[in-house]
Amino acid sequence: FSVSPSGAMQVTTGDTRPGHQHWVSGRAGQPCRRCG
């Protein structure tokens, strides 16, 4: 999906906004998007 024409490159959350693309990567010290 990441390399497909319609895909969002390396977005795992489905949210392409800066700072919202990943669940854990690069997010040390921030709350988990699921459990906090």
PDB file of all heavy atoms in Angstrom:
ATOM      1  N   PHE A   1       0.827  -1.200   0.000  1.00  0.00           N
ATOM      2  CA  PHE A   1       0.000   0.000   0.000  1.00  0.00           C
ATOM      3  C   PHE A   1       0.868   1.259   0.000  1.00  0.00           C
ATOM      4  O   PHE A   1       0.557   2.246  -0.667  1.00  0.00           O
ATOM      5  CB  PHE A   1      -0.921   0.016   1.223  1.00  0.00           C
ATOM      6  CG  PHE A   1      -1.841   1.199   1.265  1.00  0.00           C
ATOM      7  CD1 PHE A   1      -2.929   1.293   0.412  1.00  0.00           C
ATOM      8  CD2 PHE A   1      -1.607   2.240   2.151  1.00  0.00           C
ATOM      9  CE1 PHE A   1      -3.776   2.388   0.438  1.00  0.00           C
ATOM     10  CE2 PHE A   1      -2.444   3.343   2.194  1.00  0.00           C
ATOM     11  CZ  PHE A   1      -3.539   3.422   1.334  1.00  0.00           C
ATOM     12  N   SER A   2       1.993   1.199   0.711  1.00  0.00           N
ATOM     13  CA  SER A   2       2.871   2.358   0.800  1.00  0.00           C
ATOM     14  C   SER A   2       3.437   2.759  -0.553  1.00  0.00           C
ATOM     15  O   SER A   2       3.664   3.948  -0.808  1.00  0.00           O
ATOM     16  CB  SER A   2       4.020   2.062   1.773  1.00  0.00           C
ATOM     17  OG  SER A   2       4.853   3.186   1.953  1.00  0.00           O
ATOM     18  N   VAL A   3       3.673   1.790  -1.441  1.00  0.00           N
ATOM     19  CA  VAL A   3       4.256   2.111  -2.750  1.00  0.00           C
ATOM     20  C   VAL A   3       3.211   2.219  -3.851  1.00  0.00           C
ATOM     21  O   VAL A   3       3.542   2.531  -4.997  1.00  0.00           O
ATOM     22  CB  VAL A   3       5.318   1.064  -3.163  1.00  0.00           C
ATOM     23  CG1 VAL A   3       6.424   0.991  -2.133  1.00  0.00           C
ATOM     24  CG2 VAL A   3       4.688  -0.306  -3.384  1.00  0.00           C
ATOM     25  N   SER A   4       1.949   1.977  -3.531  1.00  0.00           N
ATOM     26  CA  SER A   4       0.901   2.045  -4.555  1.00  0.00           C
ATOM     27  C   SER A   4       0.578   3.499  -4.889  1.00  0.00           C
ATOM     28  O   SER A   4       0.770   4.391  -4.055  1.00  0.00           O
ATOM     29  CB  SER A   4      -0.360   1.325  -4.074  1.00  0.00           C
ATOM     30  OG  SER A   4      -0.954   2.043  -3.006  1.00  0.00           O
ATOM     31  N   PRO A   5       0.093   3.769  -6.103  1.00  0.00           N
ATOM     32  CA  PRO A   5      -0.228   5.154  -6.486  1.00  0.00           C
ATOM     33  C   PRO A   5      -1.213   5.827  -5.546  1.00  0.00           C
ATOM     34  O   PRO A   5      -1.151   7.040  -5.328  1.00  0.00           O
ATOM     35  CB  PRO A   5      -0.812   4.993  -7.894  1.00  0.00           C
ATOM     36  CG  PRO A   5      -0.230   3.729  -8.409  1.00  0.00           C
ATOM     37  CD  PRO A   5      -0.103   2.829  -7.215  1.00  0.00           C
ATOM     38  N   SER A   6      -2.138   5.052  -4.980  1.00  0.00           N
ATOM     39  CA  SER A   6      -3.145   5.631  -4.094  1.00  0.00           C
ATOM     40  C   SER A   6      -2.737   5.585  -2.633  1.00  0.00           C
ATOM     41  O   SER A   6      -3.462   6.080  -1.759  1.00  0.00           O
ATOM     42  CB  SER A   6      -4.481   4.891  -4.259  1.00  0.00           C
ATOM     43  OG  SER A   6      -4.327   3.519  -3.929  1.00  0.00           O
ATOM     44  N   GLY A   7      -1.581   4.985  -2.343  1.00  0.00           N
ATOM     45  CA  GLY A   7      -1.171   4.794  -0.959  1.00  0.00           C
ATOM     46  C   GLY A   7      -0.543   6.035  -0.351  1.00  0.00           C
ATOM     47  O   GLY A   7      -0.137   6.971  -1.051  1.00  0.00           O
ATOM     48  N   ALA A   8      -0.483   6.029   0.969  1.00  0.00           N
ATOM     49  CA  ALA A   8       0.189   7.085   1.717  1.00  0.00           C
ATOM     50  C   ALA A   8       1.519   6.517   2.207  1.00  0.00           C
ATOM     51  O   ALA A   8       1.551   5.548   2.944  1.00  0.00           O
ATOM     52  CB  ALA A   8      -0.672   7.541   2.892  1.00  0.00           C
ATOM     53  N   MET A   9       2.614   7.118   1.796  1.00  0.00           N
ATOM     54  CA  MET A   9       3.942   6.583   2.048  1.00  0.00           C
ATOM     55  C   MET A   9       4.219   6.474   3.543  1.00  0.00           C
ATOM     56  O   MET A   9       4.234   7.468   4.265  1.00  0.00           O
ATOM     57  CB  MET A   9       4.982   7.482   1.378  1.00  0.00           C
ATOM     58  CG  MET A   9       6.396   6.980   1.477  1.00  0.00           C
ATOM     59  SD  MET A   9       6.659   5.519   0.469  1.00  0.00           S
ATOM     60  CE  MET A   9       8.426   5.301   0.627  1.00  0.00           C
ATOM     61  N   GLN A  10       4.397   5.245   4.012  1.00  0.00           N
ATOM     62  CA  GLN A  10       4.806   4.934   5.376  1.00  0.00           C
ATOM     63  C   GLN A  10       3.853   5.512   6.429  1.00  0.00           C
ATOM     64  O   GLN A  10       4.277   5.847   7.541  1.00  0.00           O
ATOM     65  CB  GLN A  10       6.244   5.400   5.620  1.00  0.00           C
ATOM     66  CG  GLN A  10       7.247   4.630   4.777  1.00  0.00           C
ATOM     67  CD  GLN A  10       8.675   5.058   4.988  1.00  0.00           C
ATOM     68  OE1 GLN A  10       8.949   6.057   5.636  1.00  0.00           O
ATOM     69  NE2 GLN A  10       9.604   4.309   4.410  1.00  0.00           N
ATOM     70  N   VAL A  11       2.586   5.614   6.103  1.00  0.00           N
ATOM     71  CA  VAL A  11       1.574   6.020   7.085  1.00  0.00           C
ATOM     72  C   VAL A  11       0.893   4.754   7.591  1.00  0.00           C
ATOM     73  O   VAL A  11       0.308   4.010   6.821  1.00  0.00           O
ATOM     74  CB  VAL A  11       0.539   6.978   6.462  1.00  0.00           C
ATOM     75  CG1 VAL A  11      -0.597   7.253   7.445  1.00  0.00           C
ATOM     76  CG2 VAL A  11       1.211   8.285   6.055  1.00  0.00           C
ATOM     77  N   THR A  12       0.969   4.516   8.904  1.00  0.00           N
ATOM     78  CA  THR A  12       0.405   3.291   9.469  1.00  0.00           C
ATOM     79  C   THR A  12      -0.899   3.533  10.221  1.00  0.00           C
ATOM     80  O   THR A  12      -1.636   2.595  10.493  1.00  0.00           O
ATOM     81  CB  THR A  12       1.415   2.626  10.424  1.00  0.00           C
ATOM     82  OG1 THR A  12       1.763   3.558  11.457  1.00  0.00           O
ATOM     83  CG2 THR A  12       2.661   2.208   9.666  1.00  0.00           C
ATOM     84  N   THR A  13      -1.189   4.776  10.561  1.00  0.00           N
ATOM     85  CA  THR A  13      -2.409   5.084  11.320  1.00  0.00           C
ATOM     86  C   THR A  13      -3.592   5.411  10.428  1.00  0.00           C
ATOM     87  O   THR A  13      -4.732   5.447  10.894  1.00  0.00           O
ATOM     88  CB  THR A  13      -2.172   6.290  12.240  1.00  0.00           C
ATOM     89  OG1 THR A  13      -1.827   7.427  11.426  1.00  0.00           O
ATOM     90  CG2 THR A  13      -1.056   6.015  13.235  1.00  0.00           C
ATOM     91  N   GLY A  14      -3.317   5.694   9.149  1.00  0.00           N
ATOM     92  CA  GLY A  14      -4.375   6.153   8.252  1.00  0.00           C
ATOM     93  C   GLY A  14      -4.560   7.655   8.289  1.00  0.00           C
ATOM     94  O   GLY A  14      -5.369   8.210   7.538  1.00  0.00           O
ATOM     95  N   ASP A  15      -3.786   8.355   9.118  1.00  0.00           N
ATOM     96  CA  ASP A  15      -3.880   9.809   9.267  1.00  0.00           C
ATOM     97  C   ASP A  15      -2.606  10.431   8.715  1.00  0.00           C
ATOM     98  O   ASP A  15      -1.515  10.220   9.266  1.00  0.00           O
ATOM     99  CB  ASP A  15      -4.059  10.164  10.743  1.00  0.00           C
ATOM    100  CG  ASP A  15      -4.392  11.635  10.982  1.00  0.00           C
ATOM    101  OD1 ASP A  15      -4.071  12.460  10.108  1.00  0.00           O
ATOM    102  OD2 ASP A  15      -4.962  11.940  12.044  1.00  0.00           O
ATOM    103  N   THR A  16      -2.707  11.170   7.631  1.00  0.00           N
ATOM    104  CA  THR A  16      -1.521  11.707   6.958  1.00  0.00           C
ATOM    105  C   THR A  16      -1.047  13.040   7.520  1.00  0.00           C
ATOM    106  O   THR A  16      -0.053  13.589   7.035  1.00  0.00           O
ATOM    107  CB  THR A  16      -1.805  11.876   5.454  1.00  0.00           C
ATOM    108  OG1 THR A  16      -2.915  12.764   5.282  1.00  0.00           O
ATOM    109  CG2 THR A  16      -2.120  10.531   4.805  1.00  0.00           C
ATOM    110  N   ARG A  17      -1.704  13.575   8.522  1.00  0.00           N
ATOM    111  CA  ARG A  17      -1.271  14.846   9.087  1.00  0.00           C
ATOM    112  C   ARG A  17       0.095  14.701   9.766  1.00  0.00           C
ATOM    113  O   ARG A  17       0.362  13.673  10.392  1.00  0.00           O
ATOM    114  CB  ARG A  17      -2.289  15.354  10.107  1.00  0.00           C
ATOM    115  CG  ARG A  17      -3.627  15.777   9.523  1.00  0.00           C
ATOM    116  CD  ARG A  17      -4.576  16.190  10.640  1.00  0.00           C
ATOM    117  NE  ARG A  17      -4.862  15.065  11.534  1.00  0.00           N
ATOM    118  CZ  ARG A  17      -5.428  15.204  12.734  1.00  0.00           C
ATOM    119  NH1 ARG A  17      -5.752  16.411  13.191  1.00  0.00           N
ATOM    120  NH2 ARG A  17      -5.670  14.127  13.480  1.00  0.00           N
ATOM    121  N   PRO A  18       0.957  15.712   9.626  1.00  0.00           N
ATOM    122  CA  PRO A  18       2.264  15.635  10.300  1.00  0.00           C
ATOM    123  C   PRO A  18       2.098  15.363  11.792  1.00  0.00           C
ATOM    124  O   PRO A  18       1.285  15.981  12.472  1.00  0.00           O
ATOM    125  CB  PRO A  18       2.866  17.034  10.053  1.00  0.00           C
ATOM    126  CG  PRO A  18       2.210  17.496   8.789  1.00  0.00           C
ATOM    127  CD  PRO A  18       0.805  16.950   8.839  1.00  0.00           C
ATOM    128  N   GLY A  19       2.883  14.395  12.274  1.00  0.00           N
ATOM    129  CA  GLY A  19       2.821  14.033  13.678  1.00  0.00           C
ATOM    130  C   GLY A  19       1.747  13.021  14.017  1.00  0.00           C
ATOM    131  O   GLY A  19       1.634  12.598  15.180  1.00  0.00           O
ATOM    132  N   HIS A  20       0.963  12.613  13.026  1.00  0.00           N
ATOM    133  CA  HIS A  20      -0.132  11.665  13.274  1.00  0.00           C
ATOM    134  C   HIS A  20       0.016  10.374  12.463  1.00  0.00           C
ATOM    135  O   HIS A  20      -0.848   9.514  12.536  1.00  0.00           O
ATOM    136  CB  HIS A  20      -1.474  12.315  12.928  1.00  0.00           C
ATOM    137  CG  HIS A  20      -1.851  13.453  13.817  1.00  0.00           C
ATOM    138  ND1 HIS A  20      -2.735  13.341  14.864  1.00  0.00           N
ATOM    139  CD2 HIS A  20      -1.427  14.748  13.816  1.00  0.00           C
ATOM    140  CE1 HIS A  20      -2.870  14.514  15.468  1.00  0.00           C
ATOM    141  NE2 HIS A  20      -2.080  15.388  14.856  1.00  0.00           N
ATOM    142  N   GLN A  21       1.103  10.235  11.711  1.00  0.00           N
ATOM    143  CA  GLN A  21       1.208   9.130  10.758  1.00  0.00           C
ATOM    144  C   GLN A  21       1.530   7.785  11.398  1.00  0.00           C
ATOM    145  O   GLN A  21       1.255   6.749  10.805  1.00  0.00           O
ATOM    146  CB  GLN A  21       2.288   9.434   9.700  1.00  0.00           C
ATOM    147  CG  GLN A  21       2.028  10.697   8.900  1.00  0.00           C
ATOM    148  CD  GLN A  21       2.873  11.842   9.408  1.00  0.00           C
ATOM    149  OE1 GLN A  21       3.079  11.968  10.607  1.00  0.00           O
ATOM    150  NE2 GLN A  21       3.373  12.671   8.499  1.00  0.00           N
ATOM    151  N   HIS A  22       2.111   7.767  12.590  1.00  0.00           N
ATOM    152  CA  HIS A  22       2.608   6.517  13.166  1.00  0.00           C
ATOM    153  C   HIS A  22       2.037   6.276  14.556  1.00  0.00           C
ATOM    154  O   HIS A  22       1.675   7.209  15.277  1.00  0.00           O
ATOM    155  CB  HIS A  22       4.140   6.549  13.236  1.00  0.00           C
ATOM    156  CG  HIS A  22       4.786   6.844  11.929  1.00  0.00           C
ATOM    157  ND1 HIS A  22       5.773   7.780  11.767  1.00  0.00           N
ATOM    158  CD2 HIS A  22       4.556   6.317  10.691  1.00  0.00           C
ATOM    159  CE1 HIS A  22       6.131   7.832  10.501  1.00  0.00           C
ATOM    160  NE2 HIS A  22       5.413   6.952   9.832  1.00  0.00           N
ATOM    161  N   TRP A  23       2.003   4.995  14.928  1.00  0.00           N
ATOM    162  CA  TRP A  23       1.495   4.602  16.242  1.00  0.00           C
ATOM    163  C   TRP A  23       2.536   4.814  17.328  1.00  0.00           C
ATOM    164  O   TRP A  23       2.231   5.364  18.392  1.00  0.00           O
ATOM    165  CB  TRP A  23       1.064   3.141  16.218  1.00  0.00           C
ATOM    166  CG  TRP A  23      -0.125   2.883  15.355  1.00  0.00           C
ATOM    167  CD1 TRP A  23      -0.134   2.358  14.088  1.00  0.00           C
ATOM    168  CD2 TRP A  23      -1.501   3.150  15.687  1.00  0.00           C
ATOM    169  NE1 TRP A  23      -1.415   2.277  13.611  1.00  0.00           N
ATOM    170  CE2 TRP A  23      -2.286   2.754  14.568  1.00  0.00           C
ATOM    171  CE3 TRP A  23      -2.144   3.675  16.804  1.00  0.00           C
ATOM    172  CZ2 TRP A  23      -3.664   2.870  14.548  1.00  0.00           C
ATOM    173  CZ3 TRP A  23      -3.530   3.803  16.796  1.00  0.00           C
ATOM    174  CH2 TRP A  23      -4.280   3.395  15.681  1.00  0.00           C
ATOM    175  N   VAL A  24       3.766   4.354  17.103  1.00  0.00           N
ATOM    176  CA  VAL A  24       4.789   4.443  18.149  1.00  0.00           C
ATOM    177  C   VAL A  24       6.096   5.062  17.662  1.00  0.00           C
ATOM    178  O   VAL A  24       6.777   5.728  18.435  1.00  0.00           O
ATOM    179  CB  VAL A  24       5.083   3.049  18.762  1.00  0.00           C
ATOM    180  CG1 VAL A  24       3.903   2.550  19.569  1.00  0.00           C
ATOM    181  CG2 VAL A  24       5.481   2.027  17.681  1.00  0.00           C
ATOM    182  N   SER A  25       6.468   4.843  16.424  1.00  0.00           N
ATOM    183  CA  SER A  25       7.775   5.255  15.928  1.00  0.00           C
ATOM    184  C   SER A  25       7.973   6.767  16.090  1.00  0.00           C
ATOM    185  O   SER A  25       7.157   7.568  15.635  1.00  0.00           O
ATOM    186  CB  SER A  25       7.929   4.873  14.452  1.00  0.00           C
ATOM    187  OG  SER A  25       9.225   5.182  13.991  1.00  0.00           O
ATOM    188  N   GLY A  26       9.060   7.133  16.758  1.00  0.00           N
ATOM    189  CA  GLY A  26       9.383   8.536  16.962  1.00  0.00           C
ATOM    190  C   GLY A  26       8.529   9.248  18.000  1.00  0.00           C
ATOM    191  O   GLY A  26       8.610  10.471  18.114  1.00  0.00           O
ATOM    192  N   ARG A  27       7.736   8.513  18.791  1.00  0.00           N
ATOM    193  CA  ARG A  27       6.774   9.143  19.693  1.00  0.00           C
ATOM    194  C   ARG A  27       7.111   8.947  21.176  1.00  0.00           C
ATOM    195  O   ARG A  27       6.236   8.957  22.027  1.00  0.00           O
ATOM    196  CB  ARG A  27       5.368   8.619  19.415  1.00  0.00           C
ATOM    197  CG  ARG A  27       4.867   8.890  18.003  1.00  0.00           C
ATOM    198  CD  ARG A  27       3.392   8.588  17.871  1.00  0.00           C
ATOM    199  NE  ARG A  27       2.609   9.483  18.712  1.00  0.00           N
ATOM    200  CZ  ARG A  27       1.837   9.068  19.728  1.00  0.00           C
ATOM    201  NH1 ARG A  27       1.765   7.774  20.042  1.00  0.00           N
ATOM    202  NH2 ARG A  27       1.160   9.928  20.448  1.00  0.00           N
ATOM    203  N   ALA A  28       8.384   8.791  21.506  1.00  0.00           N
ATOM    204  CA  ALA A  28       8.775   8.586  22.905  1.00  0.00           C
ATOM    205  C   ALA A  28       8.245   9.713  23.781  1.00  0.00           C
ATOM    206  O   ALA A  28       8.339  10.894  23.439  1.00  0.00           O
ATOM    207  CB  ALA A  28      10.288   8.506  23.019  1.00  0.00           C
ATOM    208  N   GLY A  29       7.682   9.328  24.920  1.00  0.00           N
ATOM    209  CA  GLY A  29       7.171  10.302  25.870  1.00  0.00           C
ATOM    210  C   GLY A  29       5.763  10.774  25.591  1.00  0.00           C
ATOM    211  O   GLY A  29       5.161  11.466  26.427  1.00  0.00           O
ATOM    212  N   GLN A  30       5.203  10.406  24.456  1.00  0.00           N
ATOM    213  CA  GLN A  30       3.839  10.794  24.114  1.00  0.00           C
ATOM    214  C   GLN A  30       2.868   9.666  24.487  1.00  0.00           C
ATOM    215  O   GLN A  30       3.259   8.513  24.614  1.00  0.00           O
ATOM    216  CB  GLN A  30       3.740  11.099  22.624  1.00  0.00           C
ATOM    217  CG  GLN A  30       4.640  12.236  22.157  1.00  0.00           C
ATOM    218  CD  GLN A  30       4.503  12.513  20.680  1.00  0.00           C
ATOM    219  OE1 GLN A  30       3.396  12.604  20.147  1.00  0.00           O
ATOM    220  NE2 GLN A  30       5.635  12.657  19.995  1.00  0.00           N
ATOM    221  N   PRO A  31       1.575  10.000  24.646  1.00  0.00           N
ATOM    222  CA  PRO A  31       0.614   8.951  25.024  1.00  0.00           C
ATOM    223  C   PRO A  31       0.288   8.039  23.846  1.00  0.00           C
ATOM    224  O   PRO A  31       0.204   8.483  22.697  1.00  0.00           O
ATOM    225  CB  PRO A  31      -0.619   9.751  25.450  1.00  0.00           C
ATOM    226  CG  PRO A  31      -0.506  11.047  24.712  1.00  0.00           C
ATOM    227  CD  PRO A  31       0.964  11.340  24.628  1.00  0.00           C
ATOM    228  N   CYS A  32       0.117   6.769  24.145  1.00  0.00           N
ATOM    229  CA  CYS A  32      -0.330   5.806  23.139  1.00  0.00           C
ATOM    230  C   CYS A  32      -1.673   6.267  22.575  1.00  0.00           C
ATOM    231  O   CYS A  32      -2.553   6.712  23.316  1.00  0.00           O
ATOM    232  CB  CYS A  32      -0.465   4.428  23.766  1.00  0.00           C
ATOM    233  SG  CYS A  32      -1.185   3.170  22.678  1.00  0.00           S
ATOM    234  N   ARG A  33      -1.824   6.157  21.274  1.00  0.00           N
ATOM    235  CA  ARG A  33      -3.054   6.620  20.628  1.00  0.00           C
ATOM    236  C   ARG A  33      -4.247   5.733  20.992  1.00  0.00           C
ATOM    237  O   ARG A  33      -5.399   6.138  20.790  1.00  0.00           O
ATOM    238  CB  ARG A  33      -2.877   6.645  19.106  1.00  0.00           C
ATOM    239  CG  ARG A  33      -1.733   7.542  18.630  1.00  0.00           C
ATOM    240  CD  ARG A  33      -1.733   7.684  17.116  1.00  0.00           C
ATOM    241  NE  ARG A  33      -0.513   8.301  16.628  1.00  0.00           N
ATOM    242  CZ  ARG A  33      -0.268   9.607  16.647  1.00  0.00           C
ATOM    243  NH1 ARG A  33      -1.158  10.432  17.145  1.00  0.00           N
ATOM    244  NH2 ARG A  33       0.876  10.082  16.156  1.00  0.00           N
ATOM    245  N   ARG A  34      -4.011   4.552  21.513  1.00  0.00           N
ATOM    246  CA  ARG A  34      -5.096   3.644  21.887  1.00  0.00           C
ATOM    247  C   ARG A  34      -5.405   3.686  23.381  1.00  0.00           C
ATOM    248  O   ARG A  34      -6.553   3.792  23.785  1.00  0.00           O
ATOM    249  CB  ARG A  34      -4.744   2.215  21.473  1.00  0.00           C
ATOM    250  CG  ARG A  34      -4.836   1.962  19.984  1.00  0.00           C
ATOM    251  CD  ARG A  34      -4.421   0.545  19.655  1.00  0.00           C
ATOM    252  NE  ARG A  34      -4.638   0.226  18.242  1.00  0.00           N
ATOM    253  CZ  ARG A  34      -4.144  -0.844  17.641  1.00  0.00           C
ATOM    254  NH1 ARG A  34      -3.410  -1.701  18.330  1.00  0.00           N
ATOM    255  NH2 ARG A  34      -4.387  -1.058  16.369  1.00  0.00           N
ATOM    256  N   CYS A  35      -4.356   3.571  24.221  1.00  0.00           N
ATOM    257  CA  CYS A  35      -4.602   3.399  25.653  1.00  0.00           C
ATOM    258  C   CYS A  35      -4.125   4.562  26.509  1.00  0.00           C
ATOM    259  O   CYS A  35      -4.443   4.614  27.697  1.00  0.00           O
ATOM    260  CB  CYS A  35      -3.959   2.106  26.138  1.00  0.00           C
ATOM    261  SG  CYS A  35      -2.146   2.176  26.218  1.00  0.00           S
ATOM    262  N   GLY A  36      -3.329   5.463  25.941  1.00  0.00           N
ATOM    263  CA  GLY A  36      -2.851   6.614  26.699  1.00  0.00           C
ATOM    264  C   GLY A  36      -1.572   6.382  27.468  1.00  0.00           C
ATOM    265  O   GLY A  36      -1.002   7.320  28.032  1.00  0.00           O
TER     266      GLY A  36
END
